[in-house]
Amino acid sequence: TYLMLRSLLLVEGRGPELTVEILEK
């Protein structure tokens, strides 16, 4: 999901702040 979001969001300029919960360090 994160990789798909990264491809959709603009590289330059202000975008959403991303927070991710994972289960394995």
mmCIF file of all heavy atoms, coordinates in Angstrom:
data_MODEL
# 
_entry.id   MODEL 
# 
loop_
_atom_site.group_PDB 
_atom_site.id 
_atom_site.type_symbol 
_atom_site.label_atom_id 
_atom_site.label_alt_id 
_atom_site.label_comp_id 
_atom_site.label_asym_id 
_atom_site.label_entity_id 
_atom_site.label_seq_id 
_atom_site.pdbx_PDB_ins_code 
_atom_site.Cartn_x 
_atom_site.Cartn_y 
_atom_site.Cartn_z 
_atom_site.occupancy 
_atom_site.B_iso_or_equiv 
_atom_site.pdbx_formal_charge 
_atom_site.auth_seq_id 
_atom_site.auth_comp_id 
_atom_site.auth_asym_id 
_atom_site.auth_atom_id 
_atom_site.pdbx_PDB_model_num 
ATOM 1   N N   . THR A 1 1  ? 0.841  -1.208  0.000  1.00 0.00 ? 1  THR A N   1 
ATOM 2   C CA  . THR A 1 1  ? 0.000  0.000   0.000  1.00 0.00 ? 1  THR A CA  1 
ATOM 3   C C   . THR A 1 1  ? 0.869  1.249   0.000  1.00 0.00 ? 1  THR A C   1 
ATOM 4   O O   . THR A 1 1  ? 0.583  2.223   -0.707 1.00 0.00 ? 1  THR A O   1 
ATOM 5   C CB  . THR A 1 1  ? -0.924 0.000   1.225  1.00 0.00 ? 1  THR A CB  1 
ATOM 6   O OG1 . THR A 1 1  ? -1.753 -1.166  1.192  1.00 0.00 ? 1  THR A OG1 1 
ATOM 7   C CG2 . THR A 1 1  ? -1.809 1.242   1.246  1.00 0.00 ? 1  THR A CG2 1 
ATOM 8   N N   . TYR A 1 2  ? 1.929  1.225   0.791  1.00 0.00 ? 2  TYR A N   1 
ATOM 9   C CA  . TYR A 1 2  ? 2.827  2.386   0.845  1.00 0.00 ? 2  TYR A CA  1 
ATOM 10  C C   . TYR A 1 2  ? 3.461  2.662   -0.518 1.00 0.00 ? 2  TYR A C   1 
ATOM 11  O O   . TYR A 1 2  ? 3.535  3.818   -0.964 1.00 0.00 ? 2  TYR A O   1 
ATOM 12  C CB  . TYR A 1 2  ? 3.914  2.152   1.892  1.00 0.00 ? 2  TYR A CB  1 
ATOM 13  C CG  . TYR A 1 2  ? 5.072  3.089   1.739  1.00 0.00 ? 2  TYR A CG  1 
ATOM 14  C CD1 . TYR A 1 2  ? 4.931  4.455   1.995  1.00 0.00 ? 2  TYR A CD1 1 
ATOM 15  C CD2 . TYR A 1 2  ? 6.307  2.621   1.297  1.00 0.00 ? 2  TYR A CD2 1 
ATOM 16  C CE1 . TYR A 1 2  ? 5.996  5.315   1.818  1.00 0.00 ? 2  TYR A CE1 1 
ATOM 17  C CE2 . TYR A 1 2  ? 7.371  3.486   1.123  1.00 0.00 ? 2  TYR A CE2 1 
ATOM 18  C CZ  . TYR A 1 2  ? 7.210  4.829   1.388  1.00 0.00 ? 2  TYR A CZ  1 
ATOM 19  O OH  . TYR A 1 2  ? 8.263  5.680   1.212  1.00 0.00 ? 2  TYR A OH  1 
ATOM 20  N N   . LEU A 1 3  ? 3.901  1.615   -1.214 1.00 0.00 ? 3  LEU A N   1 
ATOM 21  C CA  . LEU A 1 3  ? 4.526  1.817   -2.524 1.00 0.00 ? 3  LEU A CA  1 
ATOM 22  C C   . LEU A 1 3  ? 3.535  2.403   -3.528 1.00 0.00 ? 3  LEU A C   1 
ATOM 23  O O   . LEU A 1 3  ? 3.894  3.271   -4.339 1.00 0.00 ? 3  LEU A O   1 
ATOM 24  C CB  . LEU A 1 3  ? 5.084  0.490   -3.041 1.00 0.00 ? 3  LEU A CB  1 
ATOM 25  C CG  . LEU A 1 3  ? 6.320  -0.034  -2.309 1.00 0.00 ? 3  LEU A CG  1 
ATOM 26  C CD1 . LEU A 1 3  ? 6.685  -1.428  -2.803 1.00 0.00 ? 3  LEU A CD1 1 
ATOM 27  C CD2 . LEU A 1 3  ? 7.500  0.920   -2.499 1.00 0.00 ? 3  LEU A CD2 1 
ATOM 28  N N   . MET A 1 4  ? 2.284  1.948   -3.472 1.00 0.00 ? 4  MET A N   1 
ATOM 29  C CA  . MET A 1 4  ? 1.274  2.514   -4.366 1.00 0.00 ? 4  MET A CA  1 
ATOM 30  C C   . MET A 1 4  ? 1.008  3.976   -4.028 1.00 0.00 ? 4  MET A C   1 
ATOM 31  O O   . MET A 1 4  ? 0.861  4.814   -4.927 1.00 0.00 ? 4  MET A O   1 
ATOM 32  C CB  . MET A 1 4  ? -0.015 1.691   -4.280 1.00 0.00 ? 4  MET A CB  1 
ATOM 33  C CG  . MET A 1 4  ? 0.073  0.333   -4.953 1.00 0.00 ? 4  MET A CG  1 
ATOM 34  S SD  . MET A 1 4  ? -1.528 -0.506  -5.042 1.00 0.00 ? 4  MET A SD  1 
ATOM 35  C CE  . MET A 1 4  ? -1.819 -0.886  -3.330 1.00 0.00 ? 4  MET A CE  1 
ATOM 36  N N   . LEU A 1 5  ? 0.954  4.294   -2.739 1.00 0.00 ? 5  LEU A N   1 
ATOM 37  C CA  . LEU A 1 5  ? 0.756  5.688   -2.337 1.00 0.00 ? 5  LEU A CA  1 
ATOM 38  C C   . LEU A 1 5  ? 1.897  6.562   -2.833 1.00 0.00 ? 5  LEU A C   1 
ATOM 39  O O   . LEU A 1 5  ? 1.685  7.674   -3.325 1.00 0.00 ? 5  LEU A O   1 
ATOM 40  C CB  . LEU A 1 5  ? 0.673  5.787   -0.811 1.00 0.00 ? 5  LEU A CB  1 
ATOM 41  C CG  . LEU A 1 5  ? -0.679 5.623   -0.154 1.00 0.00 ? 5  LEU A CG  1 
ATOM 42  C CD1 . LEU A 1 5  ? -0.534 5.656   1.360  1.00 0.00 ? 5  LEU A CD1 1 
ATOM 43  C CD2 . LEU A 1 5  ? -1.646 6.707   -0.606 1.00 0.00 ? 5  LEU A CD2 1 
ATOM 44  N N   . ARG A 1 6  ? 3.111  6.067   -2.721 1.00 0.00 ? 6  ARG A N   1 
ATOM 45  C CA  . ARG A 1 6  ? 4.274  6.847   -3.131 1.00 0.00 ? 6  ARG A CA  1 
ATOM 46  C C   . ARG A 1 6  ? 4.230  7.169   -4.614 1.00 0.00 ? 6  ARG A C   1 
ATOM 47  O O   . ARG A 1 6  ? 4.632  8.248   -5.047 1.00 0.00 ? 6  ARG A O   1 
ATOM 48  C CB  . ARG A 1 6  ? 5.559  6.084   -2.795 1.00 0.00 ? 6  ARG A CB  1 
ATOM 49  C CG  . ARG A 1 6  ? 6.814  6.934   -2.913 1.00 0.00 ? 6  ARG A CG  1 
ATOM 50  C CD  . ARG A 1 6  ? 8.030  6.184   -2.466 1.00 0.00 ? 6  ARG A CD  1 
ATOM 51  N NE  . ARG A 1 6  ? 8.344  5.071   -3.352 1.00 0.00 ? 6  ARG A NE  1 
ATOM 52  C CZ  . ARG A 1 6  ? 9.427  4.309   -3.237 1.00 0.00 ? 6  ARG A CZ  1 
ATOM 53  N NH1 . ARG A 1 6  ? 10.281 4.526   -2.252 1.00 0.00 ? 6  ARG A NH1 1 
ATOM 54  N NH2 . ARG A 1 6  ? 9.652  3.316   -4.075 1.00 0.00 ? 6  ARG A NH2 1 
ATOM 55  N N   . SER A 1 7  ? 3.693  6.247   -5.400 1.00 0.00 ? 7  SER A N   1 
ATOM 56  C CA  . SER A 1 7  ? 3.606  6.485   -6.842 1.00 0.00 ? 7  SER A CA  1 
ATOM 57  C C   . SER A 1 7  ? 2.497  7.471   -7.191 1.00 0.00 ? 7  SER A C   1 
ATOM 58  O O   . SER A 1 7  ? 2.544  8.140   -8.228 1.00 0.00 ? 7  SER A O   1 
ATOM 59  C CB  . SER A 1 7  ? 3.384  5.168   -7.586 1.00 0.00 ? 7  SER A CB  1 
ATOM 60  O OG  . SER A 1 7  ? 2.116  4.617   -7.282 1.00 0.00 ? 7  SER A OG  1 
ATOM 61  N N   . LEU A 1 8  ? 1.484  7.584   -6.307 1.00 0.00 ? 8  LEU A N   1 
ATOM 62  C CA  . LEU A 1 8  ? 0.359  8.477   -6.579 1.00 0.00 ? 8  LEU A CA  1 
ATOM 63  C C   . LEU A 1 8  ? 0.617  9.904   -6.102 1.00 0.00 ? 8  LEU A C   1 
ATOM 64  O O   . LEU A 1 8  ? 0.099  10.858  -6.687 1.00 0.00 ? 8  LEU A O   1 
ATOM 65  C CB  . LEU A 1 8  ? -0.909 7.951   -5.892 1.00 0.00 ? 8  LEU A CB  1 
ATOM 66  C CG  . LEU A 1 8  ? -1.513 6.658   -6.469 1.00 0.00 ? 8  LEU A CG  1 
ATOM 67  C CD1 . LEU A 1 8  ? -2.648 6.179   -5.572 1.00 0.00 ? 8  LEU A CD1 1 
ATOM 68  C CD2 . LEU A 1 8  ? -2.023 6.879   -7.880 1.00 0.00 ? 8  LEU A CD2 1 
ATOM 69  N N   . LEU A 1 9  ? 1.398  10.042  -5.037 1.00 0.00 ? 9  LEU A N   1 
ATOM 70  C CA  . LEU A 1 9  ? 1.605  11.356  -4.447 1.00 0.00 ? 9  LEU A CA  1 
ATOM 71  C C   . LEU A 1 9  ? 2.753  12.078  -5.140 1.00 0.00 ? 9  LEU A C   1 
ATOM 72  O O   . LEU A 1 9  ? 3.695  11.464  -5.627 1.00 0.00 ? 9  LEU A O   1 
ATOM 73  C CB  . LEU A 1 9  ? 1.903  11.223  -2.954 1.00 0.00 ? 9  LEU A CB  1 
ATOM 74  C CG  . LEU A 1 9  ? 0.783  10.584  -2.131 1.00 0.00 ? 9  LEU A CG  1 
ATOM 75  C CD1 . LEU A 1 9  ? 1.225  10.372  -0.696 1.00 0.00 ? 9  LEU A CD1 1 
ATOM 76  C CD2 . LEU A 1 9  ? -0.476 11.443  -2.176 1.00 0.00 ? 9  LEU A CD2 1 
ATOM 77  N N   . LEU A 1 10 ? 2.671  13.379  -5.161 1.00 0.00 ? 10 LEU A N   1 
ATOM 78  C CA  . LEU A 1 10 ? 3.687  14.186  -5.813 1.00 0.00 ? 10 LEU A CA  1 
ATOM 79  C C   . LEU A 1 10 ? 5.015  14.053  -5.105 1.00 0.00 ? 10 LEU A C   1 
ATOM 80  O O   . LEU A 1 10 ? 5.094  14.018  -3.877 1.00 0.00 ? 10 LEU A O   1 
ATOM 81  C CB  . LEU A 1 10 ? 3.259  15.664  -5.829 1.00 0.00 ? 10 LEU A CB  1 
ATOM 82  C CG  . LEU A 1 10 ? 2.002  16.000  -6.651 1.00 0.00 ? 10 LEU A CG  1 
ATOM 83  C CD1 . LEU A 1 10 ? 1.638  17.468  -6.444 1.00 0.00 ? 10 LEU A CD1 1 
ATOM 84  C CD2 . LEU A 1 10 ? 2.251  15.723  -8.117 1.00 0.00 ? 10 LEU A CD2 1 
ATOM 85  N N   . VAL A 1 11 ? 6.081  13.984  -5.888 1.00 0.00 ? 11 VAL A N   1 
ATOM 86  C CA  . VAL A 1 11 ? 7.425  13.922  -5.321 1.00 0.00 ? 11 VAL A CA  1 
ATOM 87  C C   . VAL A 1 11 ? 7.803  15.278  -4.757 1.00 0.00 ? 11 VAL A C   1 
ATOM 88  O O   . VAL A 1 11 ? 8.380  15.407  -3.678 1.00 0.00 ? 11 VAL A O   1 
ATOM 89  C CB  . VAL A 1 11 ? 8.445  13.476  -6.382 1.00 0.00 ? 11 VAL A CB  1 
ATOM 90  C CG1 . VAL A 1 11 ? 9.854  13.506  -5.803 1.00 0.00 ? 11 VAL A CG1 1 
ATOM 91  C CG2 . VAL A 1 11 ? 8.105  12.091  -6.907 1.00 0.00 ? 11 VAL A CG2 1 
ATOM 92  N N   . GLU A 1 12 ? 7.487  16.336  -5.467 1.00 0.00 ? 12 GLU A N   1 
ATOM 93  C CA  . GLU A 1 12 ? 7.799  17.688  -5.025 1.00 0.00 ? 12 GLU A CA  1 
ATOM 94  C C   . GLU A 1 12 ? 6.571  18.322  -4.383 1.00 0.00 ? 12 GLU A C   1 
ATOM 95  O O   . GLU A 1 12 ? 5.440  17.995  -4.695 1.00 0.00 ? 12 GLU A O   1 
ATOM 96  C CB  . GLU A 1 12 ? 8.256  18.550  -6.217 1.00 0.00 ? 12 GLU A CB  1 
ATOM 97  C CG  . GLU A 1 12 ? 9.491  18.012  -6.930 1.00 0.00 ? 12 GLU A CG  1 
ATOM 98  C CD  . GLU A 1 12 ? 10.726 18.021  -6.063 1.00 0.00 ? 12 GLU A CD  1 
ATOM 99  O OE1 . GLU A 1 12 ? 10.771 18.830  -5.105 1.00 0.00 ? 12 GLU A OE1 1 
ATOM 100 O OE2 . GLU A 1 12 ? 11.632 17.221  -6.318 1.00 0.00 ? 12 GLU A OE2 1 
ATOM 101 N N   . GLY A 1 13 ? 6.831  19.270  -3.512 1.00 0.00 ? 13 GLY A N   1 
ATOM 102 C CA  . GLY A 1 13 ? 5.724  19.987  -2.879 1.00 0.00 ? 13 GLY A CA  1 
ATOM 103 C C   . GLY A 1 13 ? 5.206  19.268  -1.653 1.00 0.00 ? 13 GLY A C   1 
ATOM 104 O O   . GLY A 1 13 ? 5.584  18.139  -1.348 1.00 0.00 ? 13 GLY A O   1 
ATOM 105 N N   . ARG A 1 14 ? 4.319  19.917  -0.950 1.00 0.00 ? 14 ARG A N   1 
ATOM 106 C CA  . ARG A 1 14 ? 3.794  19.372  0.298  1.00 0.00 ? 14 ARG A CA  1 
ATOM 107 C C   . ARG A 1 14 ? 2.711  18.340  0.017  1.00 0.00 ? 14 ARG A C   1 
ATOM 108 O O   . ARG A 1 14 ? 1.763  18.598  -0.705 1.00 0.00 ? 14 ARG A O   1 
ATOM 109 C CB  . ARG A 1 14 ? 3.224  20.504  1.157  1.00 0.00 ? 14 ARG A CB  1 
ATOM 110 C CG  . ARG A 1 14 ? 2.767  20.033  2.532  1.00 0.00 ? 14 ARG A CG  1 
ATOM 111 C CD  . ARG A 1 14 ? 2.118  21.160  3.300  1.00 0.00 ? 14 ARG A CD  1 
ATOM 112 N NE  . ARG A 1 14 ? 1.727  20.724  4.633  1.00 0.00 ? 14 ARG A NE  1 
ATOM 113 C CZ  . ARG A 1 14 ? 0.638  20.026  4.913  1.00 0.00 ? 14 ARG A CZ  1 
ATOM 114 N NH1 . ARG A 1 14 ? -0.164 19.686  3.928  1.00 0.00 ? 14 ARG A NH1 1 
ATOM 115 N NH2 . ARG A 1 14 ? 0.351  19.672  6.145  1.00 0.00 ? 14 ARG A NH2 1 
ATOM 116 N N   . GLY A 1 15 ? 2.875  17.176  0.579  1.00 0.00 ? 15 GLY A N   1 
ATOM 117 C CA  . GLY A 1 15 ? 1.870  16.128  0.453  1.00 0.00 ? 15 GLY A CA  1 
ATOM 118 C C   . GLY A 1 15 ? 1.418  15.678  1.830  1.00 0.00 ? 15 GLY A C   1 
ATOM 119 O O   . GLY A 1 15 ? 1.819  16.246  2.847  1.00 0.00 ? 15 GLY A O   1 
ATOM 120 N N   . PRO A 1 16 ? 0.584  14.655  1.893  1.00 0.00 ? 16 PRO A N   1 
ATOM 121 C CA  . PRO A 1 16 ? 0.128  14.163  3.194  1.00 0.00 ? 16 PRO A CA  1 
ATOM 122 C C   . PRO A 1 16 ? 1.292  13.615  4.020  1.00 0.00 ? 16 PRO A C   1 
ATOM 123 O O   . PRO A 1 16 ? 2.269  13.096  3.475  1.00 0.00 ? 16 PRO A O   1 
ATOM 124 C CB  . PRO A 1 16 ? -0.851 13.035  2.822  1.00 0.00 ? 16 PRO A CB  1 
ATOM 125 C CG  . PRO A 1 16 ? -1.162 13.223  1.380  1.00 0.00 ? 16 PRO A CG  1 
ATOM 126 C CD  . PRO A 1 16 ? 0.018  13.909  0.772  1.00 0.00 ? 16 PRO A CD  1 
ATOM 127 N N   . GLU A 1 17 ? 1.174  13.734  5.331  1.00 0.00 ? 17 GLU A N   1 
ATOM 128 C CA  . GLU A 1 17 ? 2.141  13.105  6.221  1.00 0.00 ? 17 GLU A CA  1 
ATOM 129 C C   . GLU A 1 17 ? 1.733  11.644  6.401  1.00 0.00 ? 17 GLU A C   1 
ATOM 130 O O   . GLU A 1 17 ? 0.576  11.343  6.688  1.00 0.00 ? 17 GLU A O   1 
ATOM 131 C CB  . GLU A 1 17 ? 2.171  13.832  7.570  1.00 0.00 ? 17 GLU A CB  1 
ATOM 132 C CG  . GLU A 1 17 ? 2.696  15.256  7.461  1.00 0.00 ? 17 GLU A CG  1 
ATOM 133 C CD  . GLU A 1 17 ? 2.655  15.992  8.792  1.00 0.00 ? 17 GLU A CD  1 
ATOM 134 O OE1 . GLU A 1 17 ? 2.346  15.345  9.822  1.00 0.00 ? 17 GLU A OE1 1 
ATOM 135 O OE2 . GLU A 1 17 ? 2.930  17.203  8.808  1.00 0.00 ? 17 GLU A OE2 1 
ATOM 136 N N   . LEU A 1 18 ? 2.679  10.736  6.221  1.00 0.00 ? 18 LEU A N   1 
ATOM 137 C CA  . LEU A 1 18 ? 2.390  9.308   6.232  1.00 0.00 ? 18 LEU A CA  1 
ATOM 138 C C   . LEU A 1 18 ? 2.838  8.679   7.550  1.00 0.00 ? 18 LEU A C   1 
ATOM 139 O O   . LEU A 1 18 ? 3.953  8.919   8.016  1.00 0.00 ? 18 LEU A O   1 
ATOM 140 C CB  . LEU A 1 18 ? 3.092  8.605   5.078  1.00 0.00 ? 18 LEU A CB  1 
ATOM 141 C CG  . LEU A 1 18 ? 2.778  9.105   3.663  1.00 0.00 ? 18 LEU A CG  1 
ATOM 142 C CD1 . LEU A 1 18 ? 3.563  8.297   2.636  1.00 0.00 ? 18 LEU A CD1 1 
ATOM 143 C CD2 . LEU A 1 18 ? 1.291  9.018   3.383  1.00 0.00 ? 18 LEU A CD2 1 
ATOM 144 N N   . THR A 1 19 ? 1.963  7.866   8.129  1.00 0.00 ? 19 THR A N   1 
ATOM 145 C CA  . THR A 1 19 ? 2.289  7.077   9.315  1.00 0.00 ? 19 THR A CA  1 
ATOM 146 C C   . THR A 1 19 ? 1.915  5.634   9.013  1.00 0.00 ? 19 THR A C   1 
ATOM 147 O O   . THR A 1 19 ? 0.858  5.365   8.448  1.00 0.00 ? 19 THR A O   1 
ATOM 148 C CB  . THR A 1 19 ? 1.497  7.565   10.552 1.00 0.00 ? 19 THR A CB  1 
ATOM 149 O OG1 . THR A 1 19 ? 1.757  8.957   10.755 1.00 0.00 ? 19 THR A OG1 1 
ATOM 150 C CG2 . THR A 1 19 ? 1.911  6.799   11.795 1.00 0.00 ? 19 THR A CG2 1 
ATOM 151 N N   . VAL A 1 20 ? 2.805  4.706   9.377  1.00 0.00 ? 20 VAL A N   1 
ATOM 152 C CA  . VAL A 1 20 ? 2.575  3.294   9.080  1.00 0.00 ? 20 VAL A CA  1 
ATOM 153 C C   . VAL A 1 20 ? 2.731  2.484   10.362 1.00 0.00 ? 20 VAL A C   1 
ATOM 154 O O   . VAL A 1 20 ? 3.685  2.688   11.130 1.00 0.00 ? 20 VAL A O   1 
ATOM 155 C CB  . VAL A 1 20 ? 3.572  2.769   8.019  1.00 0.00 ? 20 VAL A CB  1 
ATOM 156 C CG1 . VAL A 1 20 ? 3.300  1.292   7.729  1.00 0.00 ? 20 VAL A CG1 1 
ATOM 157 C CG2 . VAL A 1 20 ? 3.474  3.581   6.744  1.00 0.00 ? 20 VAL A CG2 1 
ATOM 158 N N   . GLU A 1 21 ? 1.784  1.580   10.600 1.00 0.00 ? 21 GLU A N   1 
ATOM 159 C CA  . GLU A 1 21 ? 1.921  0.611   11.686 1.00 0.00 ? 21 GLU A CA  1 
ATOM 160 C C   . GLU A 1 21 ? 2.386  -0.710  11.091 1.00 0.00 ? 21 GLU A C   1 
ATOM 161 O O   . GLU A 1 21 ? 1.783  -1.213  10.137 1.00 0.00 ? 21 GLU A O   1 
ATOM 162 C CB  . GLU A 1 21 ? 0.594  0.393   12.410 1.00 0.00 ? 21 GLU A CB  1 
ATOM 163 C CG  . GLU A 1 21 ? 0.724  -0.625  13.542 1.00 0.00 ? 21 GLU A CG  1 
ATOM 164 C CD  . GLU A 1 21 ? -0.611 -1.233  13.967 1.00 0.00 ? 21 GLU A CD  1 
ATOM 165 O OE1 . GLU A 1 21 ? -1.611 -1.069  13.242 1.00 0.00 ? 21 GLU A OE1 1 
ATOM 166 O OE2 . GLU A 1 21 ? -0.641 -1.886  15.022 1.00 0.00 ? 21 GLU A OE2 1 
ATOM 167 N N   . ILE A 1 22 ? 3.461  -1.273  11.637 1.00 0.00 ? 22 ILE A N   1 
ATOM 168 C CA  . ILE A 1 22 ? 3.902  -2.600  11.220 1.00 0.00 ? 22 ILE A CA  1 
ATOM 169 C C   . ILE A 1 22 ? 4.017  -3.490  12.446 1.00 0.00 ? 22 ILE A C   1 
ATOM 170 O O   . ILE A 1 22 ? 3.932  -3.024  13.585 1.00 0.00 ? 22 ILE A O   1 
ATOM 171 C CB  . ILE A 1 22 ? 5.244  -2.563  10.439 1.00 0.00 ? 22 ILE A CB  1 
ATOM 172 C CG1 . ILE A 1 22 ? 6.378  -2.025  11.319 1.00 0.00 ? 22 ILE A CG1 1 
ATOM 173 C CG2 . ILE A 1 22 ? 5.101  -1.748  9.168  1.00 0.00 ? 22 ILE A CG2 1 
ATOM 174 C CD1 . ILE A 1 22 ? 7.752  -2.138  10.650 1.00 0.00 ? 22 ILE A CD1 1 
ATOM 175 N N   . LEU A 1 23 ? 4.237  -4.784  12.203 1.00 0.00 ? 23 LEU A N   1 
ATOM 176 C CA  . LEU A 1 23 ? 4.207  -5.753  13.290 1.00 0.00 ? 23 LEU A CA  1 
ATOM 177 C C   . LEU A 1 23 ? 5.543  -6.430  13.532 1.00 0.00 ? 23 LEU A C   1 
ATOM 178 O O   . LEU A 1 23 ? 5.708  -7.110  14.548 1.00 0.00 ? 23 LEU A O   1 
ATOM 179 C CB  . LEU A 1 23 ? 3.140  -6.818  12.995 1.00 0.00 ? 23 LEU A CB  1 
ATOM 180 C CG  . LEU A 1 23 ? 1.733  -6.250  12.793 1.00 0.00 ? 23 LEU A CG  1 
ATOM 181 C CD1 . LEU A 1 23 ? 0.783  -7.341  12.338 1.00 0.00 ? 23 LEU A CD1 1 
ATOM 182 C CD2 . LEU A 1 23 ? 1.217  -5.601  14.069 1.00 0.00 ? 23 LEU A CD2 1 
ATOM 183 N N   . GLU A 1 24 ? 6.498  -6.262  12.629 1.00 0.00 ? 24 GLU A N   1 
ATOM 184 C CA  . GLU A 1 24 ? 7.812  -6.876  12.805 1.00 0.00 ? 24 GLU A CA  1 
ATOM 185 C C   . GLU A 1 24 ? 8.901  -5.838  12.577 1.00 0.00 ? 24 GLU A C   1 
ATOM 186 O O   . GLU A 1 24 ? 8.945  -5.186  11.527 1.00 0.00 ? 24 GLU A O   1 
ATOM 187 C CB  . GLU A 1 24 ? 7.990  -8.057  11.842 1.00 0.00 ? 24 GLU A CB  1 
ATOM 188 C CG  . GLU A 1 24 ? 7.039  -9.217  12.150 1.00 0.00 ? 24 GLU A CG  1 
ATOM 189 C CD  . GLU A 1 24 ? 7.281  -10.432 11.255 1.00 0.00 ? 24 GLU A CD  1 
ATOM 190 O OE1 . GLU A 1 24 ? 7.715  -10.243 10.101 1.00 0.00 ? 24 GLU A OE1 1 
ATOM 191 O OE2 . GLU A 1 24 ? 7.045  -11.558 11.718 1.00 0.00 ? 24 GLU A OE2 1 
ATOM 192 N N   . LYS A 1 25 ? 9.784  -5.699  13.548 1.00 0.00 ? 25 LYS A N   1 
ATOM 193 C CA  . LYS A 1 25 ? 10.847 -4.699  13.484 1.00 0.00 ? 25 LYS A CA  1 
ATOM 194 C C   . LYS A 1 25 ? 11.739 -4.909  12.260 1.00 0.00 ? 25 LYS A C   1 
ATOM 195 O O   . LYS A 1 25 ? 12.268 -3.953  11.687 1.00 0.00 ? 25 LYS A O   1 
ATOM 196 C CB  . LYS A 1 25 ? 11.678 -4.770  14.767 1.00 0.00 ? 25 LYS A CB  1 
ATOM 197 C CG  . LYS A 1 25 ? 12.801 -3.755  14.840 1.00 0.00 ? 25 LYS A CG  1 
ATOM 198 C CD  . LYS A 1 25 ? 13.605 -3.942  16.110 1.00 0.00 ? 25 LYS A CD  1 
ATOM 199 C CE  . LYS A 1 25 ? 14.797 -2.993  16.146 1.00 0.00 ? 25 LYS A CE  1 
ATOM 200 N NZ  . LYS A 1 25 ? 15.633 -3.222  17.368 1.00 0.00 ? 25 LYS A NZ  1 
# 
